[in-house]
PDB file of N, CA and C in Angstrom:
ATOM      1  N   MET A   1      -6.136  14.942  -3.316  1.00  0.00           N
ATOM      2  CA  MET A   1      -6.997  14.066  -4.073  1.00  0.00           C
ATOM      3  C   MET A   1      -8.218  13.728  -3.203  1.00  0.00           C
ATOM      4  N   LYS A   2      -9.369  13.733  -3.794  1.00  0.00           N
ATOM      5  CA  LYS A   2     -10.599  13.373  -3.095  1.00  0.00           C
ATOM      6  C   LYS A   2     -10.722  11.846  -3.025  1.00  0.00           C
ATOM      7  N   LEU A   3     -11.349  11.371  -1.966  1.00  0.00           N
ATOM      8  CA  LEU A   3     -11.562   9.935  -1.837  1.00  0.00           C
ATOM      9  C   LEU A   3     -12.338   9.372  -3.022  1.00  0.00           C
ATOM     10  N   THR A   4     -13.293  10.140  -3.541  1.00  0.00           N
ATOM     11  CA  THR A   4     -14.073   9.658  -4.688  1.00  0.00           C
ATOM     12  C   THR A   4     -13.174   9.374  -5.888  1.00  0.00           C
ATOM     13  N   GLU A   5     -12.179  10.235  -6.129  1.00  0.00           N
ATOM     14  CA  GLU A   5     -11.231  10.018  -7.225  1.00  0.00           C
ATOM     15  C   GLU A   5     -10.393   8.765  -6.974  1.00  0.00           C
ATOM     16  N   LEU A   6      -9.932   8.640  -5.751  1.00  0.00           N
ATOM     17  CA  LEU A   6      -9.099   7.510  -5.359  1.00  0.00           C
ATOM     18  C   LEU A   6      -9.849   6.195  -5.575  1.00  0.00           C
ATOM     19  N   ILE A   7     -11.104   6.156  -5.181  1.00  0.00           N
ATOM     20  CA  ILE A   7     -11.919   4.948  -5.317  1.00  0.00           C
ATOM     21  C   ILE A   7     -12.001   4.524  -6.783  1.00  0.00           C
ATOM     22  N   GLN A   8     -12.180   5.475  -7.673  1.00  0.00           N
ATOM     23  CA  GLN A   8     -12.235   5.161  -9.105  1.00  0.00           C
ATOM     24  C   GLN A   8     -10.902   4.625  -9.608  1.00  0.00           C
ATOM     25  N   LEU A   9      -9.800   5.225  -9.161  1.00  0.00           N
ATOM     26  CA  LEU A   9      -8.470   4.816  -9.625  1.00  0.00           C
ATOM     27  C   LEU A   9      -8.145   3.371  -9.289  1.00  0.00           C
ATOM     28  N   ILE A  10      -8.653   2.892  -8.166  1.00  0.00           N
ATOM     29  CA  ILE A  10      -8.281   1.552  -7.712  1.00  0.00           C
ATOM     30  C   ILE A  10      -9.402   0.534  -7.915  1.00  0.00           C
ATOM     31  N   ASP A  11     -10.444   0.940  -8.663  1.00  0.00           N
ATOM     32  CA  ASP A  11     -11.605   0.066  -8.869  1.00  0.00           C
ATOM     33  C   ASP A  11     -12.190  -0.365  -7.528  1.00  0.00           C
ATOM     34  N   GLY A  12     -12.266   0.583  -6.605  1.00  0.00           N
ATOM     35  CA  GLY A  12     -12.674   0.292  -5.246  1.00  0.00           C
ATOM     36  C   GLY A  12     -14.165   0.176  -5.040  1.00  0.00           C
ATOM     37  N   ALA A  13     -14.514  -0.550  -4.001  1.00  0.00           N
ATOM     38  CA  ALA A  13     -15.907  -0.683  -3.561  1.00  0.00           C
ATOM     39  C   ALA A  13     -15.982  -0.161  -2.129  1.00  0.00           C
ATOM     40  N   VAL A  14     -16.869   0.780  -1.880  1.00  0.00           N
ATOM     41  CA  VAL A  14     -17.041   1.342  -0.541  1.00  0.00           C
ATOM     42  C   VAL A  14     -17.892   0.378   0.274  1.00  0.00           C
ATOM     43  N   LEU A  15     -17.401   0.040   1.462  1.00  0.00           N
ATOM     44  CA  LEU A  15     -18.057  -0.962   2.294  1.00  0.00           C
ATOM     45  C   LEU A  15     -18.778  -0.369   3.500  1.00  0.00           C
ATOM     46  N   THR A  16     -18.615   0.917   3.720  1.00  0.00           N
ATOM     47  CA  THR A  16     -19.231   1.600   4.853  1.00  0.00           C
ATOM     48  C   THR A  16     -20.214   2.635   4.340  1.00  0.00           C
ATOM     49  N   ARG A  17     -20.943   3.226   5.263  1.00  0.00           N
ATOM     50  CA  ARG A  17     -21.915   4.249   4.873  1.00  0.00           C
ATOM     51  C   ARG A  17     -21.717   5.486   5.754  1.00  0.00           C
ATOM     52  N   GLY A  18     -22.103   6.607   5.206  1.00  0.00           N
ATOM     53  CA  GLY A  18     -22.136   7.825   5.998  1.00  0.00           C
ATOM     54  C   GLY A  18     -20.841   8.612   6.102  1.00  0.00           C
ATOM     55  N   ALA A  19     -19.723   8.046   5.692  1.00  0.00           N
ATOM     56  CA  ALA A  19     -18.456   8.776   5.779  1.00  0.00           C
ATOM     57  C   ALA A  19     -18.350   9.754   4.618  1.00  0.00           C
ATOM     58  N   ASP A  20     -17.586  10.797   4.806  1.00  0.00           N
ATOM     59  CA  ASP A  20     -17.412  11.841   3.798  1.00  0.00           C
ATOM     60  C   ASP A  20     -16.444  11.366   2.716  1.00  0.00           C
ATOM     61  N   LEU A  21     -16.978  11.011   1.551  1.00  0.00           N
ATOM     62  CA  LEU A  21     -16.136  10.548   0.440  1.00  0.00           C
ATOM     63  C   LEU A  21     -15.582  11.709  -0.374  1.00  0.00           C
ATOM     64  N   ASN A  22     -15.972  12.926  -0.035  1.00  0.00           N
ATOM     65  CA  ASN A  22     -15.401  14.111  -0.680  1.00  0.00           C
ATOM     66  C   ASN A  22     -14.201  14.645   0.099  1.00  0.00           C
ATOM     67  N   ARG A  23     -13.820  13.942   1.125  1.00  0.00           N
ATOM     68  CA  ARG A  23     -12.676  14.336   1.952  1.00  0.00           C
ATOM     69  C   ARG A  23     -11.397  14.323   1.127  1.00  0.00           C
ATOM     70  N   ASP A  24     -10.563  15.307   1.358  1.00  0.00           N
ATOM     71  CA  ASP A  24      -9.252  15.342   0.713  1.00  0.00           C
ATOM     72  C   ASP A  24      -8.304  14.394   1.430  1.00  0.00           C
ATOM     73  N   VAL A  25      -7.534  13.683   0.643  1.00  0.00           N
ATOM     74  CA  VAL A  25      -6.512  12.782   1.161  1.00  0.00           C
ATOM     75  C   VAL A  25      -5.167  13.372   0.783  1.00  0.00           C
ATOM     76  N   ARG A  26      -4.274  13.488   1.759  1.00  0.00           N
ATOM     77  CA  ARG A  26      -2.967  14.094   1.500  1.00  0.00           C
ATOM     78  C   ARG A  26      -1.943  13.105   0.959  1.00  0.00           C
ATOM     79  N   GLY A  27      -2.129  11.819   1.242  1.00  0.00           N
ATOM     80  CA  GLY A  27      -1.149  10.832   0.816  1.00  0.00           C
ATOM     81  C   GLY A  27      -1.542   9.453   1.281  1.00  0.00           C
ATOM     82  N   GLY A  28      -0.593   8.531   1.191  1.00  0.00           N
ATOM     83  CA  GLY A  28      -0.895   7.154   1.529  1.00  0.00           C
ATOM     84  C   GLY A  28       0.185   6.497   2.364  1.00  0.00           C
ATOM     85  N   CYS A  29      -0.189   5.368   2.938  1.00  0.00           N
ATOM     86  CA  CYS A  29       0.706   4.553   3.750  1.00  0.00           C
ATOM     87  C   CYS A  29       0.295   3.108   3.533  1.00  0.00           C
ATOM     88  N   GLY A  30       1.221   2.244   3.190  1.00  0.00           N
ATOM     89  CA  GLY A  30       0.922   0.834   2.986  1.00  0.00           C
ATOM     90  C   GLY A  30       1.616  -0.011   4.028  1.00  0.00           C
ATOM     91  N   ALA A  31       0.837  -0.799   4.789  1.00  0.00           N
ATOM     92  CA  ALA A  31       1.439  -1.627   5.835  1.00  0.00           C
ATOM     93  C   ALA A  31       0.478  -2.715   6.275  1.00  0.00           C
ATOM     94  N   ASP A  32       1.048  -3.830   6.704  1.00  0.00           N
ATOM     95  CA  ASP A  32       0.272  -4.883   7.339  1.00  0.00           C
ATOM     96  C   ASP A  32       0.598  -4.973   8.826  1.00  0.00           C
ATOM     97  N   LEU A  33       1.670  -4.343   9.244  1.00  0.00           N
ATOM     98  CA  LEU A  33       2.011  -4.278  10.662  1.00  0.00           C
ATOM     99  C   LEU A  33       1.442  -2.982  11.233  1.00  0.00           C
ATOM    100  N   MET A  34       0.475  -3.102  12.118  1.00  0.00           N
ATOM    101  CA  MET A  34      -0.177  -1.908  12.646  1.00  0.00           C
ATOM    102  C   MET A  34       0.773  -1.083  13.513  1.00  0.00           C
ATOM    103  N   SER A  35       1.800  -1.713  14.060  1.00  0.00           N
ATOM    104  CA  SER A  35       2.807  -0.947  14.803  1.00  0.00           C
ATOM    105  C   SER A  35       3.559  -0.004  13.862  1.00  0.00           C
ATOM    106  N   ASP A  36       3.763  -0.421  12.605  1.00  0.00           N
ATOM    107  CA  ASP A  36       4.395   0.464  11.615  1.00  0.00           C
ATOM    108  C   ASP A  36       3.484   1.640  11.284  1.00  0.00           C
ATOM    109  N   VAL A  37       2.187   1.396  11.210  1.00  0.00           N
ATOM    110  CA  VAL A  37       1.242   2.487  10.934  1.00  0.00           C
ATOM    111  C   VAL A  37       1.327   3.523  12.040  1.00  0.00           C
ATOM    112  N   LEU A  38       1.346   3.073  13.284  1.00  0.00           N
ATOM    113  CA  LEU A  38       1.420   4.009  14.412  1.00  0.00           C
ATOM    114  C   LEU A  38       2.755   4.740  14.451  1.00  0.00           C
ATOM    115  N   ALA A  39       3.816   4.054  14.086  1.00  0.00           N
ATOM    116  CA  ALA A  39       5.151   4.651  14.171  1.00  0.00           C
ATOM    117  C   ALA A  39       5.486   5.558  12.991  1.00  0.00           C
ATOM    118  N   TYR A  40       4.975   5.246  11.785  1.00  0.00           N
ATOM    119  CA  TYR A  40       5.474   5.923  10.596  1.00  0.00           C
ATOM    120  C   TYR A  40       4.452   6.690   9.775  1.00  0.00           C
ATOM    121  N   SER A  41       3.165   6.504  10.013  1.00  0.00           N
ATOM    122  CA  SER A  41       2.188   7.204   9.173  1.00  0.00           C
ATOM    123  C   SER A  41       1.911   8.603   9.707  1.00  0.00           C
ATOM    124  N   GLN A  42       1.380   9.434   8.843  1.00  0.00           N
ATOM    125  CA  GLN A  42       1.003  10.796   9.186  1.00  0.00           C
ATOM    126  C   GLN A  42      -0.509  10.939   9.032  1.00  0.00           C
ATOM    127  N   PRO A  43      -1.108  11.920   9.711  1.00  0.00           N
ATOM    128  CA  PRO A  43      -2.562  12.109   9.612  1.00  0.00           C
ATOM    129  C   PRO A  43      -3.027  12.359   8.175  1.00  0.00           C
ATOM    130  N   ASP A  44      -4.272  12.008   7.923  1.00  0.00           N
ATOM    131  CA  ASP A  44      -4.951  12.210   6.638  1.00  0.00           C
ATOM    132  C   ASP A  44      -4.421  11.323   5.519  1.00  0.00           C
ATOM    133  N   ALA A  45      -3.739  10.241   5.886  1.00  0.00           N
ATOM    134  CA  ALA A  45      -3.286   9.269   4.885  1.00  0.00           C
ATOM    135  C   ALA A  45      -4.370   8.217   4.683  1.00  0.00           C
ATOM    136  N   VAL A  46      -4.390   7.622   3.514  1.00  0.00           N
ATOM    137  CA  VAL A  46      -5.170   6.400   3.334  1.00  0.00           C
ATOM    138  C   VAL A  46      -4.241   5.252   3.703  1.00  0.00           C
ATOM    139  N   LEU A  47      -4.784   4.293   4.399  1.00  0.00           N
ATOM    140  CA  LEU A  47      -4.015   3.125   4.802  1.00  0.00           C
ATOM    141  C   LEU A  47      -4.336   1.987   3.861  1.00  0.00           C
ATOM    142  N   LEU A  48      -3.331   1.466   3.180  1.00  0.00           N
ATOM    143  CA  LEU A  48      -3.476   0.313   2.303  1.00  0.00           C
ATOM    144  C   LEU A  48      -2.966  -0.901   3.062  1.00  0.00           C
ATOM    145  N   THR A  49      -3.797  -1.937   3.145  1.00  0.00           N
ATOM    146  CA  THR A  49      -3.398  -3.109   3.912  1.00  0.00           C
ATOM    147  C   THR A  49      -4.077  -4.362   3.396  1.00  0.00           C
ATOM    148  N   GLY A  50      -3.433  -5.487   3.652  1.00  0.00           N
ATOM    149  CA  GLY A  50      -4.021  -6.782   3.379  1.00  0.00           C
ATOM    150  C   GLY A  50      -4.500  -7.443   4.657  1.00  0.00           C
ATOM    151  N   LEU A  51      -4.264  -6.787   5.777  1.00  0.00           N
ATOM    152  CA  LEU A  51      -4.685  -7.299   7.075  1.00  0.00           C
ATOM    153  C   LEU A  51      -6.152  -6.963   7.294  1.00  0.00           C
ATOM    154  N   CYS A  52      -6.927  -7.931   7.666  1.00  0.00           N
ATOM    155  CA  CYS A  52      -8.372  -7.733   7.782  1.00  0.00           C
ATOM    156  C   CYS A  52      -8.841  -8.143   9.180  1.00  0.00           C
ATOM    157  N   THR A  53      -8.497  -7.323  10.181  1.00  0.00           N
ATOM    158  CA  THR A  53      -8.919  -7.542  11.560  1.00  0.00           C
ATOM    159  C   THR A  53      -9.430  -6.227  12.130  1.00  0.00           C
ATOM    160  N   SER A  54     -10.168  -6.312  13.221  1.00  0.00           N
ATOM    161  CA  SER A  54     -10.696  -5.085  13.834  1.00  0.00           C
ATOM    162  C   SER A  54      -9.571  -4.184  14.341  1.00  0.00           C
ATOM    163  N   GLN A  55      -8.388  -4.755  14.574  1.00  0.00           N
ATOM    164  CA  GLN A  55      -7.248  -3.944  15.013  1.00  0.00           C
ATOM    165  C   GLN A  55      -6.873  -2.887  13.970  1.00  0.00           C
ATOM    166  N   VAL A  56      -7.120  -3.170  12.703  1.00  0.00           N
ATOM    167  CA  VAL A  56      -6.828  -2.199  11.641  1.00  0.00           C
ATOM    168  C   VAL A  56      -7.673  -0.943  11.835  1.00  0.00           C
ATOM    169  N   VAL A  57      -8.952  -1.113  12.134  1.00  0.00           N
ATOM    170  CA  VAL A  57      -9.835   0.042  12.334  1.00  0.00           C
ATOM    171  C   VAL A  57      -9.430   0.797  13.594  1.00  0.00           C
ATOM    172  N   ARG A  58      -9.110   0.070  14.655  1.00  0.00           N
ATOM    173  CA  ARG A  58      -8.698   0.734  15.905  1.00  0.00           C
ATOM    174  C   ARG A  58      -7.388   1.513  15.703  1.00  0.00           C
ATOM    175  N   THR A  59      -6.476   0.952  14.953  1.00  0.00           N
ATOM    176  CA  THR A  59      -5.222   1.641  14.659  1.00  0.00           C
ATOM    177  C   THR A  59      -5.485   2.887  13.816  1.00  0.00           C
ATOM    178  N   ALA A  60      -6.363   2.769  12.831  1.00  0.00           N
ATOM    179  CA  ALA A  60      -6.711   3.913  11.983  1.00  0.00           C
ATOM    180  C   ALA A  60      -7.297   5.052  12.807  1.00  0.00           C
ATOM    181  N   MET A  61      -8.076   4.705  13.821  1.00  0.00           N
ATOM    182  CA  MET A  61      -8.645   5.729  14.700  1.00  0.00           C
ATOM    183  C   MET A  61      -7.526   6.490  15.412  1.00  0.00           C
ATOM    184  N   MET A  62      -6.550   5.770  15.940  1.00  0.00           N
ATOM    185  CA  MET A  62      -5.456   6.402  16.687  1.00  0.00           C
ATOM    186  C   MET A  62      -4.526   7.201  15.776  1.00  0.00           C
ATOM    187  N   ALA A  63      -4.360   6.745  14.534  1.00  0.00           N
ATOM    188  CA  ALA A  63      -3.419   7.383  13.608  1.00  0.00           C
ATOM    189  C   ALA A  63      -4.078   8.464  12.753  1.00  0.00           C
ATOM    190  N   ASP A  64      -5.344   8.742  12.957  1.00  0.00           N
ATOM    191  CA  ASP A  64      -6.079   9.754  12.191  1.00  0.00           C
ATOM    192  C   ASP A  64      -6.009   9.474  10.686  1.00  0.00           C
ATOM    193  N   VAL A  65      -6.276   8.220  10.337  1.00  0.00           N
ATOM    194  CA  VAL A  65      -6.274   7.782   8.945  1.00  0.00           C
ATOM    195  C   VAL A  65      -7.559   8.246   8.264  1.00  0.00           C
ATOM    196  N   ALA A  66      -7.464   8.695   7.019  1.00  0.00           N
ATOM    197  CA  ALA A  66      -8.622   9.203   6.276  1.00  0.00           C
ATOM    198  C   ALA A  66      -9.522   8.083   5.777  1.00  0.00           C
ATOM    199  N   ALA A  67      -8.952   6.924   5.440  1.00  0.00           N
ATOM    200  CA  ALA A  67      -9.718   5.787   4.937  1.00  0.00           C
ATOM    201  C   ALA A  67      -8.816   4.561   4.969  1.00  0.00           C
ATOM    202  N   ILE A  68      -9.447   3.397   4.961  1.00  0.00           N
ATOM    203  CA  ILE A  68      -8.711   2.137   4.912  1.00  0.00           C
ATOM    204  C   ILE A  68      -9.053   1.452   3.600  1.00  0.00           C
ATOM    205  N   ILE A  69      -8.011   1.049   2.879  1.00  0.00           N
ATOM    206  CA  ILE A  69      -8.193   0.313   1.624  1.00  0.00           C
ATOM    207  C   ILE A  69      -7.674  -1.102   1.836  1.00  0.00           C
ATOM    208  N   PHE A  70      -8.568  -2.064   1.683  1.00  0.00           N
ATOM    209  CA  PHE A  70      -8.179  -3.466   1.761  1.00  0.00           C
ATOM    210  C   PHE A  70      -7.832  -3.933   0.353  1.00  0.00           C
ATOM    211  N   VAL A  71      -6.611  -4.408   0.178  1.00  0.00           N
ATOM    212  CA  VAL A  71      -6.158  -4.870  -1.133  1.00  0.00           C
ATOM    213  C   VAL A  71      -6.514  -6.341  -1.315  1.00  0.00           C
ATOM    214  N   ARG A  72      -6.345  -6.835  -2.537  1.00  0.00           N
ATOM    215  CA  ARG A  72      -6.600  -8.239  -2.882  1.00  0.00           C
ATOM    216  C   ARG A  72      -8.032  -8.656  -2.555  1.00  0.00           C
ATOM    217  N   ASP A  73      -8.952  -7.683  -2.688  1.00  0.00           N
ATOM    218  CA  ASP A  73     -10.385  -7.937  -2.496  1.00  0.00           C
ATOM    219  C   ASP A  73     -10.722  -8.491  -1.110  1.00  0.00           C
ATOM    220  N   LYS A  74      -9.918  -8.154  -0.119  1.00  0.00           N
ATOM    221  CA  LYS A  74     -10.205  -8.581   1.252  1.00  0.00           C
ATOM    222  C   LYS A  74     -11.501  -7.925   1.707  1.00  0.00           C
ATOM    223  N   GLN A  75     -12.278  -8.647   2.510  1.00  0.00           N
ATOM    224  CA  GLN A  75     -13.571  -8.166   2.986  1.00  0.00           C
ATOM    225  C   GLN A  75     -13.581  -8.145   4.512  1.00  0.00           C
ATOM    226  N   PRO A  76     -13.837  -6.979   5.092  1.00  0.00           N
ATOM    227  CA  PRO A  76     -13.879  -6.891   6.557  1.00  0.00           C
ATOM    228  C   PRO A  76     -15.110  -7.588   7.124  1.00  0.00           C
ATOM    229  N   THR A  77     -15.037  -7.919   8.391  1.00  0.00           N
ATOM    230  CA  THR A  77     -16.174  -8.527   9.069  1.00  0.00           C
ATOM    231  C   THR A  77     -17.249  -7.472   9.326  1.00  0.00           C
ATOM    232  N   GLU A  78     -18.433  -7.924   9.649  1.00  0.00           N
ATOM    233  CA  GLU A  78     -19.525  -7.002   9.978  1.00  0.00           C
ATOM    234  C   GLU A  78     -19.160  -6.157  11.201  1.00  0.00           C
ATOM    235  N   GLU A  79     -18.474  -6.756  12.158  1.00  0.00           N
ATOM    236  CA  GLU A  79     -18.024  -6.013  13.346  1.00  0.00           C
ATOM    237  C   GLU A  79     -17.101  -4.856  12.947  1.00  0.00           C
ATOM    238  N   MET A  80     -16.187  -5.107  12.029  1.00  0.00           N
ATOM    239  CA  MET A  80     -15.276  -4.059  11.554  1.00  0.00           C
ATOM    240  C   MET A  80     -16.042  -2.957  10.846  1.00  0.00           C
ATOM    241  N   ILE A  81     -17.011  -3.331  10.031  1.00  0.00           N
ATOM    242  CA  ILE A  81     -17.811  -2.346   9.300  1.00  0.00           C
ATOM    243  C   ILE A  81     -18.605  -1.484  10.271  1.00  0.00           C
ATOM    244  N   GLN A  82     -19.200  -2.103  11.289  1.00  0.00           N
ATOM    245  CA  GLN A  82     -19.960  -1.332  12.283  1.00  0.00           C
ATOM    246  C   GLN A  82     -19.067  -0.357  13.035  1.00  0.00           C
ATOM    247  N   LEU A  83     -17.876  -0.801  13.428  1.00  0.00           N
ATOM    248  CA  LEU A  83     -16.938   0.076  14.121  1.00  0.00           C
ATOM    249  C   LEU A  83     -16.520   1.241  13.221  1.00  0.00           C
ATOM    250  N   ALA A  84     -16.209   0.948  11.977  1.00  0.00           N
ATOM    251  CA  ALA A  84     -15.813   2.002  11.028  1.00  0.00           C
ATOM    252  C   ALA A  84     -16.968   2.975  10.781  1.00  0.00           C
ATOM    253  N   ASN A  85     -18.181   2.466  10.699  1.00  0.00           N
ATOM    254  CA  ASN A  85     -19.348   3.345  10.539  1.00  0.00           C
ATOM    255  C   ASN A  85     -19.477   4.291  11.729  1.00  0.00           C
ATOM    256  N   ARG A  86     -19.329   3.754  12.945  1.00  0.00           N
ATOM    257  CA  ARG A  86     -19.418   4.599  14.153  1.00  0.00           C
ATOM    258  C   ARG A  86     -18.352   5.687  14.151  1.00  0.00           C
ATOM    259  N   GLU A  87     -17.160   5.340  13.695  1.00  0.00           N
ATOM    260  CA  GLU A  87     -16.031   6.279  13.714  1.00  0.00           C
ATOM    261  C   GLU A  87     -15.928   7.087  12.426  1.00  0.00           C
ATOM    262  N   GLN A  88     -16.816   6.828  11.479  1.00  0.00           N
ATOM    263  CA  GLN A  88     -16.853   7.503  10.179  1.00  0.00           C
ATOM    264  C   GLN A  88     -15.526   7.391   9.428  1.00  0.00           C
ATOM    265  N   ILE A  89     -14.994   6.179   9.428  1.00  0.00           N
ATOM    266  CA  ILE A  89     -13.786   5.868   8.661  1.00  0.00           C
ATOM    267  C   ILE A  89     -14.227   5.024   7.472  1.00  0.00           C
ATOM    268  N   PRO A  90     -14.061   5.519   6.261  1.00  0.00           N
ATOM    269  CA  PRO A  90     -14.456   4.730   5.097  1.00  0.00           C
ATOM    270  C   PRO A  90     -13.598   3.467   4.961  1.00  0.00           C
ATOM    271  N   LEU A  91     -14.267   2.357   4.697  1.00  0.00           N
ATOM    272  CA  LEU A  91     -13.584   1.106   4.359  1.00  0.00           C
ATOM    273  C   LEU A  91     -13.826   0.857   2.883  1.00  0.00           C
ATOM    274  N   ILE A  92     -12.742   0.583   2.176  1.00  0.00           N
ATOM    275  CA  ILE A  92     -12.797   0.402   0.726  1.00  0.00           C
ATOM    276  C   ILE A  92     -12.062  -0.886   0.397  1.00  0.00           C
ATOM    277  N   SER A  93     -12.609  -1.667  -0.517  1.00  0.00           N
ATOM    278  CA  SER A  93     -11.938  -2.878  -0.963  1.00  0.00           C
ATOM    279  C   SER A  93     -11.568  -2.721  -2.431  1.00  0.00           C
ATOM    280  N   SER A  94     -10.340  -3.123  -2.769  1.00  0.00           N
ATOM    281  CA  SER A  94      -9.872  -3.095  -4.148  1.00  0.00           C
ATOM    282  C   SER A  94      -9.492  -4.515  -4.569  1.00  0.00           C
ATOM    283  N   PRO A  95      -9.809  -4.880  -5.793  1.00  0.00           N
ATOM    284  CA  PRO A  95      -9.448  -6.224  -6.256  1.00  0.00           C
ATOM    285  C   PRO A  95      -7.953  -6.379  -6.541  1.00  0.00           C
ATOM    286  N   HIS A  96      -7.235  -5.276  -6.578  1.00  0.00           N
ATOM    287  CA  HIS A  96      -5.813  -5.294  -6.950  1.00  0.00           C
ATOM    288  C   HIS A  96      -4.920  -5.538  -5.740  1.00  0.00           C
ATOM    289  N   GLY A  97      -3.706  -5.992  -6.008  1.00  0.00           N
ATOM    290  CA  GLY A  97      -2.716  -6.222  -4.963  1.00  0.00           C
ATOM    291  C   GLY A  97      -2.123  -4.922  -4.450  1.00  0.00           C
ATOM    292  N   MET A  98      -1.387  -5.024  -3.371  1.00  0.00           N
ATOM    293  CA  MET A  98      -0.778  -3.857  -2.717  1.00  0.00           C
ATOM    294  C   MET A  98       0.110  -3.080  -3.683  1.00  0.00           C
ATOM    295  N   PHE A  99       0.979  -3.770  -4.404  1.00  0.00           N
ATOM    296  CA  PHE A  99       1.907  -3.105  -5.313  1.00  0.00           C
ATOM    297  C   PHE A  99       1.154  -2.327  -6.381  1.00  0.00           C
ATOM    298  N   GLU A 100       0.136  -2.943  -6.953  1.00  0.00           N
ATOM    299  CA  GLU A 100      -0.656  -2.300  -8.010  1.00  0.00           C
ATOM    300  C   GLU A 100      -1.384  -1.061  -7.481  1.00  0.00           C
ATOM    301  N   VAL A 101      -2.016  -1.171  -6.330  1.00  0.00           N
ATOM    302  CA  VAL A 101      -2.760  -0.040  -5.775  1.00  0.00           C
ATOM    303  C   VAL A 101      -1.813   1.104  -5.435  1.00  0.00           C
ATOM    304  N   CYS A 102      -0.694   0.791  -4.813  1.00  0.00           N
ATOM    305  CA  CYS A 102       0.292   1.837  -4.498  1.00  0.00           C
ATOM    306  C   CYS A 102       0.767   2.523  -5.774  1.00  0.00           C
ATOM    307  N   GLY A 103       1.048   1.743  -6.803  1.00  0.00           N
ATOM    308  CA  GLY A 103       1.510   2.303  -8.071  1.00  0.00           C
ATOM    309  C   GLY A 103       0.480   3.208  -8.708  1.00  0.00           C
ATOM    310  N   ARG A 104      -0.765   2.775  -8.723  1.00  0.00           N
ATOM    311  CA  ARG A 104      -1.828   3.597  -9.319  1.00  0.00           C
ATOM    312  C   ARG A 104      -1.965   4.928  -8.585  1.00  0.00           C
ATOM    313  N   LEU A 105      -1.940   4.884  -7.271  1.00  0.00           N
ATOM    314  CA  LEU A 105      -2.108   6.114  -6.499  1.00  0.00           C
ATOM    315  C   LEU A 105      -0.895   7.031  -6.633  1.00  0.00           C
ATOM    316  N   HIS A 106       0.280   6.450  -6.632  1.00  0.00           N
ATOM    317  CA  HIS A 106       1.493   7.254  -6.797  1.00  0.00           C
ATOM    318  C   HIS A 106       1.533   7.900  -8.180  1.00  0.00           C
ATOM    319  N   ASN A 107       1.197   7.140  -9.212  1.00  0.00           N
ATOM    320  CA  ASN A 107       1.168   7.684 -10.578  1.00  0.00           C
ATOM    321  C   ASN A 107       0.149   8.802 -10.730  1.00  0.00           C
ATOM    322  N   ALA A 108      -0.905   8.780  -9.906  1.00  0.00           N
ATOM    323  CA  ALA A 108      -1.931   9.822  -9.951  1.00  0.00           C
ATOM    324  C   ALA A 108      -1.540  11.035  -9.119  1.00  0.00           C
ATOM    325  N   GLY A 109      -0.365  10.996  -8.498  1.00  0.00           N
ATOM    326  CA  GLY A 109       0.133  12.155  -7.758  1.00  0.00           C
ATOM    327  C   GLY A 109       0.008  12.075  -6.252  1.00  0.00           C
ATOM    328  N   LEU A 110      -0.495  10.974  -5.716  1.00  0.00           N
ATOM    329  CA  LEU A 110      -0.608  10.856  -4.262  1.00  0.00           C
ATOM    330  C   LEU A 110       0.772  10.559  -3.693  1.00  0.00           C
ATOM    331  N   GLN A 111       1.158  11.309  -2.685  1.00  0.00           N
ATOM    332  CA  GLN A 111       2.490  11.153  -2.102  1.00  0.00           C
ATOM    333  C   GLN A 111       2.473  10.175  -0.926  1.00  0.00           C
ATOM    334  N   SER A 112       3.649   9.750  -0.542  1.00  0.00           N
ATOM    335  CA  SER A 112       3.783   8.895   0.638  1.00  0.00           C
ATOM    336  C   SER A 112       3.633   9.754   1.889  1.00  0.00           C
ATOM    337  N   LEU A 113       2.881   9.245   2.846  1.00  0.00           N
ATOM    338  CA  LEU A 113       2.786   9.920   4.147  1.00  0.00           C
ATOM    339  C   LEU A 113       3.375   9.032   5.237  1.00  0.00           C
ATOM    340  N   GLU A 114       4.448   8.352   4.879  1.00  0.00           N
ATOM    341  CA  GLU A 114       5.185   7.570   5.854  1.00  0.00           C
ATOM    342  C   GLU A 114       6.433   8.358   6.210  1.00  0.00           C
ATOM    343  N   HIS A 115       6.688   8.492   7.498  1.00  0.00           N
ATOM    344  CA  HIS A 115       7.939   9.122   7.933  1.00  0.00           C
ATOM    345  C   HIS A 115       9.091   8.281   7.442  1.00  0.00           C
ATOM    346  N   ALA A 116      10.193   8.920   7.155  1.00  0.00           N
ATOM    347  CA  ALA A 116      11.380   8.179   6.728  1.00  0.00           C
ATOM    348  C   ALA A 116      11.831   7.257   7.863  1.00  0.00           C
ATOM    349  N   TYR A 117      12.213   6.062   7.500  1.00  0.00           N
ATOM    350  CA  TYR A 117      12.705   5.098   8.465  1.00  0.00           C
ATOM    351  C   TYR A 117      14.174   5.370   8.716  1.00  0.00           C
ATOM    352  N   ASP A 118      14.523   5.565   9.971  1.00  0.00           N
ATOM    353  CA  ASP A 118      15.906   5.848  10.336  1.00  0.00           C
ATOM    354  C   ASP A 118      16.520   4.622  10.974  1.00  0.00           C
ATOM    355  N   GLU A 119      17.447   3.989  10.271  1.00  0.00           N
ATOM    356  CA  GLU A 119      18.079   2.775  10.809  1.00  0.00           C
ATOM    357  C   GLU A 119      19.137   3.100  11.840  1.00  0.00           C
ATOM    358  N   GLY A 120      19.472   4.383  11.985  1.00  0.00           N
ATOM    359  CA  GLY A 120      20.511   4.897  12.820  1.00  0.00           C
ATOM    360  C   GLY A 120      20.666   4.313  14.130  1.00  0.00           C
TER     361      GLY A 120
END
């Protein structure tokens, strides 16, 4: 799925400039704990989160995230936007909650890119 399609599905607003919105996204990962993103996400996922700190962008850089979607209409700081612009990571805000955004993307065929959690 292209980021442009994804943005339409979630009623998203792009908050950064210059990033490739025609990029293919392989799947998604939803988390507010950035340690979970590092431990369980796979490259080329969109990260859905309600956490709005610069640590989200730094984590996305390390995890090779395709884009960050802030749910519940969260708005990143100017510092976060500048960092994302430098790293060419699209920041997108959706007015919908985490459950709704995940459902819309899953119904459109986007798969989970979270490694299975092993309680073992």
